[in-house]
């Protein structure tokens, strides 16, 4: 609001300016983000699975209200793709720290939890990849879009995601079975592998932020509208 009013602080209590911002697509996105952050803050005090699912949905929806998905058609399909894509990504990435905690504590249920997470991830990751490919195809405009700046950045991100999936497969197929079998170094290897996944996720997020902010949609050259 202050930026729109050329630095005038009175815009913070101007009803017309507040309405302009809050009822815009960006305003809706910010409201959802704020609601999501507030919901996360109370998540530890509200122990209901349905509440967790609602919190998980709020933040992806905020991204569907803004960004590249609103510039390309079919916008409805892109918005579904990004909600599903980010919901699965939030579940996957959000599980890293709890899994590390369980591994360090070495409680009796750790092996069962790791195997259950692996089974769920095996079902969800194909949807994560399918929606990611779908968004890339529609936004980049097919194979030809890979020669653009956006496409080259996208290929770099794909390489990182492929590496991330390799570590995920290593965990499920080798390290988790070793951990269940009680092998001496299994916990240390699994801990190190998950921390590597966290690092890769941070790099992927940096790539994604670069793609969506530095490269403007109007310069992508396809499917704008």
C-alpha atoms as a PDB file:
ATOM      1  CA  UNK A   1       0.000   0.000   0.000  1.00  0.00           C
ATOM      2  CA  UNK A   2       2.807   2.418   0.858  1.00  0.00           C
ATOM      3  CA  UNK A   3       4.522   1.627  -2.462  1.00  0.00           C
ATOM      4  CA  UNK A   4       1.289   2.247  -4.421  1.00  0.00           C
ATOM      5  CA  UNK A   5       0.819   5.586  -2.698  1.00  0.00           C
ATOM      6  CA  UNK A   6       4.401   6.745  -3.440  1.00  0.00           C
ATOM      7  CA  UNK A   7       5.575   6.353   0.150  1.00  0.00           C
ATOM      8  CA  UNK A   8       2.605   7.990   1.852  1.00  0.00           C
ATOM      9  CA  UNK A   9       2.158   6.286   5.253  1.00  0.00           C
ATOM     10  CA  UNK A  10      -1.446   7.507   5.448  1.00  0.00           C
ATOM     11  CA  UNK A  11      -2.284   4.772   2.907  1.00  0.00           C
ATOM     12  CA  UNK A  12      -2.196   2.291   5.793  1.00  0.00           C
ATOM     13  CA  UNK A  13      -5.513   3.655   7.072  1.00  0.00           C
ATOM     14  CA  UNK A  14      -7.052   4.795   3.780  1.00  0.00           C
ATOM     15  CA  UNK A  15     -10.246   2.688   3.221  1.00  0.00           C
ATOM     16  CA  UNK A  16     -10.051   3.008  -0.566  1.00  0.00           C
ATOM     17  CA  UNK A  17      -6.403   1.958  -0.680  1.00  0.00           C
ATOM     18  CA  UNK A  18      -7.050  -0.943   1.717  1.00  0.00           C
ATOM     19  CA  UNK A  19      -9.929  -2.139  -0.460  1.00  0.00           C
ATOM     20  CA  UNK A  20      -7.779  -1.844  -3.611  1.00  0.00           C
ATOM     21  CA  UNK A  21      -5.088  -4.045  -2.108  1.00  0.00           C
ATOM     22  CA  UNK A  22      -7.182  -6.562  -0.162  1.00  0.00           C
ATOM     23  CA  UNK A  23      -9.604  -7.281  -2.998  1.00  0.00           C
ATOM     24  CA  UNK A  24      -6.914  -7.788  -5.610  1.00  0.00           C
ATOM     25  CA  UNK A  25      -5.495 -11.215  -6.500  1.00  0.00           C
ATOM     26  CA  UNK A  26      -2.274 -10.296  -4.700  1.00  0.00           C
ATOM     27  CA  UNK A  27      -4.271  -9.220  -1.653  1.00  0.00           C
ATOM     28  CA  UNK A  28      -6.145 -12.518  -1.613  1.00  0.00           C
ATOM     29  CA  UNK A  29      -2.843 -14.395  -1.846  1.00  0.00           C
ATOM     30  CA  UNK A  30      -1.382 -12.419   1.061  1.00  0.00           C
ATOM     31  CA  UNK A  31      -4.485 -13.038   3.169  1.00  0.00           C
ATOM     32  CA  UNK A  32      -4.169 -16.781   2.594  1.00  0.00           C
ATOM     33  CA  UNK A  33      -0.455 -16.657   3.410  1.00  0.00           C
ATOM     34  CA  UNK A  34      -1.146 -14.763   6.615  1.00  0.00           C
ATOM     35  CA  UNK A  35      -3.889 -17.205   7.545  1.00  0.00           C
ATOM     36  CA  UNK A  36      -1.532 -20.093   6.784  1.00  0.00           C
ATOM     37  CA  UNK A  37       1.226 -18.701   8.989  1.00  0.00           C
ATOM     38  CA  UNK A  38      -1.207 -18.078  11.838  1.00  0.00           C
ATOM     39  CA  UNK A  39      -2.581 -21.617  11.469  1.00  0.00           C
ATOM     40  CA  UNK A  40       0.939 -23.080  11.575  1.00  0.00           C
ATOM     41  CA  UNK A  41       1.632 -21.144  14.783  1.00  0.00           C
ATOM     42  CA  UNK A  42      -1.328 -22.860  16.479  1.00  0.00           C
ATOM     43  CA  UNK A  43      -0.772 -26.283  14.882  1.00  0.00           C
ATOM     44  CA  UNK A  44       1.085 -27.687  17.904  1.00  0.00           C
ATOM     45  CA  UNK A  45      -1.879 -26.861  20.147  1.00  0.00           C
ATOM     46  CA  UNK A  46      -4.607 -28.296  17.899  1.00  0.00           C
ATOM     47  CA  UNK A  47      -4.073 -32.022  17.509  1.00  0.00           C
ATOM     48  CA  UNK A  48      -6.650 -32.877  14.843  1.00  0.00           C
ATOM     49  CA  UNK A  49      -5.755 -34.453  11.456  1.00  0.00           C
ATOM     50  CA  UNK A  50      -8.421 -32.407   9.638  1.00  0.00           C
ATOM     51  CA  UNK A  51      -6.891 -29.185  10.959  1.00  0.00           C
ATOM     52  CA  UNK A  52      -3.493 -30.306   9.674  1.00  0.00           C
ATOM     53  CA  UNK A  53      -4.942 -30.971   6.214  1.00  0.00           C
ATOM     54  CA  UNK A  54      -6.568 -27.541   6.151  1.00  0.00           C
ATOM     55  CA  UNK A  55      -3.283 -25.871   7.085  1.00  0.00           C
ATOM     56  CA  UNK A  56      -1.530 -27.904   4.392  1.00  0.00           C
ATOM     57  CA  UNK A  57      -4.028 -26.648   1.788  1.00  0.00           C
ATOM     58  CA  UNK A  58      -4.060 -22.956   2.696  1.00  0.00           C
ATOM     59  CA  UNK A  59      -0.512 -22.050   1.597  1.00  0.00           C
ATOM     60  CA  UNK A  60      -0.628 -23.840  -1.804  1.00  0.00           C
ATOM     61  CA  UNK A  61      -3.938 -22.102  -2.524  1.00  0.00           C
ATOM     62  CA  UNK A  62      -2.266 -18.735  -1.873  1.00  0.00           C
ATOM     63  CA  UNK A  63       0.268 -19.514  -4.609  1.00  0.00           C
ATOM     64  CA  UNK A  64      -2.518 -20.481  -6.998  1.00  0.00           C
ATOM     65  CA  UNK A  65      -3.946 -16.977  -6.590  1.00  0.00           C
ATOM     66  CA  UNK A  66      -0.785 -15.295  -7.901  1.00  0.00           C
ATOM     67  CA  UNK A  67       2.291 -15.982  -9.998  1.00  0.00           C
ATOM     68  CA  UNK A  68       2.858 -17.534 -13.421  1.00  0.00           C
ATOM     69  CA  UNK A  69      -0.189 -19.800 -13.229  1.00  0.00           C
ATOM     70  CA  UNK A  70      -2.463 -16.788 -13.715  1.00  0.00           C
ATOM     71  CA  UNK A  71      -0.788 -15.721 -16.982  1.00  0.00           C
ATOM     72  CA  UNK A  72      -1.194 -18.880 -19.049  1.00  0.00           C
ATOM     73  CA  UNK A  73      -4.113 -20.954 -20.251  1.00  0.00           C
ATOM     74  CA  UNK A  74      -5.756 -23.140 -19.233  1.00  0.00           C
ATOM     75  CA  UNK A  75      -5.405 -21.253 -15.959  1.00  0.00           C
ATOM     76  CA  UNK A  76      -7.832 -23.534 -14.118  1.00  0.00           C
ATOM     77  CA  UNK A  77      -5.671 -26.565 -14.891  1.00  0.00           C
ATOM     78  CA  UNK A  78      -2.458 -24.781 -13.915  1.00  0.00           C
ATOM     79  CA  UNK A  79      -3.995 -23.750 -10.606  1.00  0.00           C
ATOM     80  CA  UNK A  80      -5.010 -27.344  -9.862  1.00  0.00           C
ATOM     81  CA  UNK A  81      -1.502 -28.481 -10.800  1.00  0.00           C
ATOM     82  CA  UNK A  82       0.221 -26.016  -8.472  1.00  0.00           C
ATOM     83  CA  UNK A  83      -2.106 -26.758  -5.525  1.00  0.00           C
ATOM     84  CA  UNK A  84      -1.498 -30.511  -5.835  1.00  0.00           C
ATOM     85  CA  UNK A  85       2.232 -30.007  -6.532  1.00  0.00           C
ATOM     86  CA  UNK A  86       2.856 -27.745  -3.552  1.00  0.00           C
ATOM     87  CA  UNK A  87       0.654 -29.779  -1.189  1.00  0.00           C
ATOM     88  CA  UNK A  88       2.719 -32.903  -1.863  1.00  0.00           C
ATOM     89  CA  UNK A  89       5.974 -30.925  -1.689  1.00  0.00           C
ATOM     90  CA  UNK A  90       4.935 -29.445   1.683  1.00  0.00           C
ATOM     91  CA  UNK A  91       4.163 -32.920   3.035  1.00  0.00           C
ATOM     92  CA  UNK A  92       7.465 -34.331   1.773  1.00  0.00           C
ATOM     93  CA  UNK A  93       9.712 -31.477   2.882  1.00  0.00           C
ATOM     94  CA  UNK A  94       7.811 -30.965   6.128  1.00  0.00           C
ATOM     95  CA  UNK A  95       8.534 -34.563   7.095  1.00  0.00           C
ATOM     96  CA  UNK A  96      12.330 -34.187   7.070  1.00  0.00           C
ATOM     97  CA  UNK A  97      12.791 -32.662  10.536  1.00  0.00           C
ATOM     98  CA  UNK A  98      10.335 -35.011  12.312  1.00  0.00           C
ATOM     99  CA  UNK A  99      12.041 -38.000  10.660  1.00  0.00           C
ATOM    100  CA  UNK A 100      15.475 -36.762  11.743  1.00  0.00           C
ATOM    101  CA  UNK A 101      14.169 -36.357  15.294  1.00  0.00           C
ATOM    102  CA  UNK A 102      12.826 -39.916  15.304  1.00  0.00           C
ATOM    103  CA  UNK A 103      16.118 -41.286  13.979  1.00  0.00           C
ATOM    104  CA  UNK A 104      18.090 -39.457  16.679  1.00  0.00           C
ATOM    105  CA  UNK A 105      15.750 -40.592  19.448  1.00  0.00           C
ATOM    106  CA  UNK A 106      15.745 -44.205  18.178  1.00  0.00           C
ATOM    107  CA  UNK A 107      12.270 -44.938  19.511  1.00  0.00           C
ATOM    108  CA  UNK A 108      10.653 -48.320  18.846  1.00  0.00           C
ATOM    109  CA  UNK A 109       8.283 -46.983  16.207  1.00  0.00           C
ATOM    110  CA  UNK A 110      10.968 -45.230  14.148  1.00  0.00           C
ATOM    111  CA  UNK A 111      11.420 -48.064  11.642  1.00  0.00           C
ATOM    112  CA  UNK A 112       7.666 -48.425  11.119  1.00  0.00           C
ATOM    113  CA  UNK A 113       7.283 -44.669  10.637  1.00  0.00           C
ATOM    114  CA  UNK A 114      10.130 -44.531   8.121  1.00  0.00           C
ATOM    115  CA  UNK A 115       8.659 -47.394   6.121  1.00  0.00           C
ATOM    116  CA  UNK A 116       5.167 -45.889   6.245  1.00  0.00           C
ATOM    117  CA  UNK A 117       6.517 -42.525   5.051  1.00  0.00           C
ATOM    118  CA  UNK A 118       8.338 -44.305   2.216  1.00  0.00           C
ATOM    119  CA  UNK A 119       5.149 -46.102   1.175  1.00  0.00           C
ATOM    120  CA  UNK A 120       3.151 -42.855   1.154  1.00  0.00           C
ATOM    121  CA  UNK A 121       5.898 -41.029  -0.733  1.00  0.00           C
ATOM    122  CA  UNK A 122       5.967 -43.775  -3.370  1.00  0.00           C
ATOM    123  CA  UNK A 123       2.309 -43.037  -4.122  1.00  0.00           C
ATOM    124  CA  UNK A 124       2.578 -39.240  -3.960  1.00  0.00           C
ATOM    125  CA  UNK A 125       5.832 -38.585  -5.834  1.00  0.00           C
ATOM    126  CA  UNK A 126       4.429 -39.625  -9.252  1.00  0.00           C
ATOM    127  CA  UNK A 127       1.709 -36.991  -8.777  1.00  0.00           C
ATOM    128  CA  UNK A 128       4.373 -34.464  -7.738  1.00  0.00           C
ATOM    129  CA  UNK A 129       6.342 -35.171 -10.911  1.00  0.00           C
ATOM    130  CA  UNK A 130       3.269 -35.277 -13.171  1.00  0.00           C
ATOM    131  CA  UNK A 131       1.968 -31.910 -11.984  1.00  0.00           C
ATOM    132  CA  UNK A 132       5.462 -30.398 -12.199  1.00  0.00           C
ATOM    133  CA  UNK A 133       5.891 -31.602 -15.773  1.00  0.00           C
ATOM    134  CA  UNK A 134       2.373 -30.411 -16.624  1.00  0.00           C
ATOM    135  CA  UNK A 135       3.054 -26.896 -15.323  1.00  0.00           C
ATOM    136  CA  UNK A 136       6.421 -26.741 -17.082  1.00  0.00           C
ATOM    137  CA  UNK A 137       4.900 -27.886 -20.381  1.00  0.00           C
ATOM    138  CA  UNK A 138       2.082 -25.344 -20.319  1.00  0.00           C
ATOM    139  CA  UNK A 139       4.196 -22.410 -19.135  1.00  0.00           C
ATOM    140  CA  UNK A 140       7.282 -23.116 -21.242  1.00  0.00           C
ATOM    141  CA  UNK A 141       5.156 -23.834 -24.320  1.00  0.00           C
ATOM    142  CA  UNK A 142       6.461 -27.331 -25.021  1.00  0.00           C
ATOM    143  CA  UNK A 143       9.911 -28.415 -26.166  1.00  0.00           C
ATOM    144  CA  UNK A 144      10.651 -25.084 -27.892  1.00  0.00           C
ATOM    145  CA  UNK A 145      10.382 -23.294 -24.554  1.00  0.00           C
ATOM    146  CA  UNK A 146      13.409 -25.150 -23.218  1.00  0.00           C
ATOM    147  CA  UNK A 147      15.723 -22.920 -25.280  1.00  0.00           C
ATOM    148  CA  UNK A 148      14.551 -19.785 -23.450  1.00  0.00           C
ATOM    149  CA  UNK A 149      16.101 -18.434 -20.247  1.00  0.00           C
ATOM    150  CA  UNK A 150      13.131 -19.854 -18.376  1.00  0.00           C
ATOM    151  CA  UNK A 151      13.608 -23.247 -20.023  1.00  0.00           C
ATOM    152  CA  UNK A 152      17.311 -23.408 -19.194  1.00  0.00           C
ATOM    153  CA  UNK A 153      16.629 -22.551 -15.557  1.00  0.00           C
ATOM    154  CA  UNK A 154      13.901 -25.178 -15.577  1.00  0.00           C
ATOM    155  CA  UNK A 155      16.320 -27.833 -16.853  1.00  0.00           C
ATOM    156  CA  UNK A 156      18.716 -26.943 -14.042  1.00  0.00           C
ATOM    157  CA  UNK A 157      15.898 -27.405 -11.546  1.00  0.00           C
ATOM    158  CA  UNK A 158      14.991 -30.769 -13.112  1.00  0.00           C
ATOM    159  CA  UNK A 159      18.578 -31.963 -12.611  1.00  0.00           C
ATOM    160  CA  UNK A 160      18.437 -31.035  -8.933  1.00  0.00           C
ATOM    161  CA  UNK A 161      15.050 -32.721  -8.467  1.00  0.00           C
ATOM    162  CA  UNK A 162      16.417 -35.865 -10.130  1.00  0.00           C
ATOM    163  CA  UNK A 163      19.318 -35.873  -7.674  1.00  0.00           C
ATOM    164  CA  UNK A 164      16.875 -35.364  -4.796  1.00  0.00           C
ATOM    165  CA  UNK A 165      14.833 -38.356  -5.964  1.00  0.00           C
ATOM    166  CA  UNK A 166      18.001 -40.461  -6.075  1.00  0.00           C
ATOM    167  CA  UNK A 167      18.590 -39.762  -2.380  1.00  0.00           C
ATOM    168  CA  UNK A 168      14.930 -40.535  -1.629  1.00  0.00           C
ATOM    169  CA  UNK A 169      15.258 -43.874  -3.442  1.00  0.00           C
ATOM    170  CA  UNK A 170      18.496 -44.617  -1.582  1.00  0.00           C
ATOM    171  CA  UNK A 171      16.727 -44.024   1.722  1.00  0.00           C
ATOM    172  CA  UNK A 172      13.738 -46.220   0.916  1.00  0.00           C
ATOM    173  CA  UNK A 173      15.483 -49.106  -0.818  1.00  0.00           C
ATOM    174  CA  UNK A 174      18.717 -49.347   1.153  1.00  0.00           C
ATOM    175  CA  UNK A 175      19.153 -47.187   4.244  1.00  0.00           C
ATOM    176  CA  UNK A 176      15.740 -47.711   5.869  1.00  0.00           C
ATOM    177  CA  UNK A 177      15.991 -51.537   5.551  1.00  0.00           C
ATOM    178  CA  UNK A 178      19.503 -51.320   7.031  1.00  0.00           C
ATOM    179  CA  UNK A 179      18.163 -49.185   9.884  1.00  0.00           C
ATOM    180  CA  UNK A 180      15.407 -51.721  10.600  1.00  0.00           C
ATOM    181  CA  UNK A 181      17.987 -54.514  10.578  1.00  0.00           C
ATOM    182  CA  UNK A 182      19.953 -52.635  13.242  1.00  0.00           C
ATOM    183  CA  UNK A 183      23.132 -52.126  11.246  1.00  0.00           C
ATOM    184  CA  UNK A 184      25.627 -49.978  13.148  1.00  0.00           C
ATOM    185  CA  UNK A 185      26.127 -47.099  10.707  1.00  0.00           C
ATOM    186  CA  UNK A 186      22.613 -47.077   9.235  1.00  0.00           C
ATOM    187  CA  UNK A 187      21.265 -44.299  11.462  1.00  0.00           C
ATOM    188  CA  UNK A 188      24.230 -42.047  10.739  1.00  0.00           C
ATOM    189  CA  UNK A 189      23.970 -42.657   6.972  1.00  0.00           C
ATOM    190  CA  UNK A 190      20.220 -42.055   6.973  1.00  0.00           C
ATOM    191  CA  UNK A 191      20.641 -38.881   9.005  1.00  0.00           C
ATOM    192  CA  UNK A 192      23.267 -37.594   6.586  1.00  0.00           C
ATOM    193  CA  UNK A 193      21.149 -38.508   3.549  1.00  0.00           C
ATOM    194  CA  UNK A 194      18.086 -36.645   4.834  1.00  0.00           C
ATOM    195  CA  UNK A 195      20.191 -33.576   5.648  1.00  0.00           C
ATOM    196  CA  UNK A 196      21.514 -33.691   2.077  1.00  0.00           C
ATOM    197  CA  UNK A 197      17.903 -33.774   0.869  1.00  0.00           C
ATOM    198  CA  UNK A 198      17.182 -30.663   2.943  1.00  0.00           C
ATOM    199  CA  UNK A 199      20.137 -28.863   1.345  1.00  0.00           C
ATOM    200  CA  UNK A 200      18.971 -29.853  -2.139  1.00  0.00           C
ATOM    201  CA  UNK A 201      15.453 -28.623  -1.364  1.00  0.00           C
ATOM    202  CA  UNK A 202      16.837 -25.231  -0.312  1.00  0.00           C
ATOM    203  CA  UNK A 203      18.765 -24.990  -3.592  1.00  0.00           C
ATOM    204  CA  UNK A 204      15.663 -26.014  -5.570  1.00  0.00           C
ATOM    205  CA  UNK A 205      13.636 -23.332  -3.786  1.00  0.00           C
ATOM    206  CA  UNK A 206      16.294 -20.775  -4.730  1.00  0.00           C
ATOM    207  CA  UNK A 207      16.057 -21.883  -8.363  1.00  0.00           C
ATOM    208  CA  UNK A 208      12.271 -21.664  -8.253  1.00  0.00           C
ATOM    209  CA  UNK A 209      12.378 -18.180  -6.734  1.00  0.00           C
ATOM    210  CA  UNK A 210      14.781 -17.089  -9.470  1.00  0.00           C
ATOM    211  CA  UNK A 211      12.570 -18.492 -12.221  1.00  0.00           C
ATOM    212  CA  UNK A 212       9.419 -16.854 -10.901  1.00  0.00           C
ATOM    213  CA  UNK A 213      10.862 -13.441 -10.016  1.00  0.00           C
ATOM    214  CA  UNK A 214      13.884 -12.608 -12.196  1.00  0.00           C
ATOM    215  CA  UNK A 215      12.394 -13.964 -15.440  1.00  0.00           C
ATOM    216  CA  UNK A 216       9.122 -12.073 -16.053  1.00  0.00           C
ATOM    217  CA  UNK A 217       6.194 -13.943 -17.687  1.00  0.00           C
ATOM    218  CA  UNK A 218       5.974 -11.519 -20.624  1.00  0.00           C
ATOM    219  CA  UNK A 219       9.486 -12.491 -21.717  1.00  0.00           C
ATOM    220  CA  UNK A 220       8.763 -16.208 -21.882  1.00  0.00           C
ATOM    221  CA  UNK A 221       7.343 -15.816 -25.377  1.00  0.00           C
ATOM    222  CA  UNK A 222       4.547 -18.362 -25.388  1.00  0.00           C
ATOM    223  CA  UNK A 223       1.040 -19.042 -24.202  1.00  0.00           C
ATOM    224  CA  UNK A 224       0.727 -15.599 -22.574  1.00  0.00           C
ATOM    225  CA  UNK A 225      -2.884 -14.664 -22.040  1.00  0.00           C
END
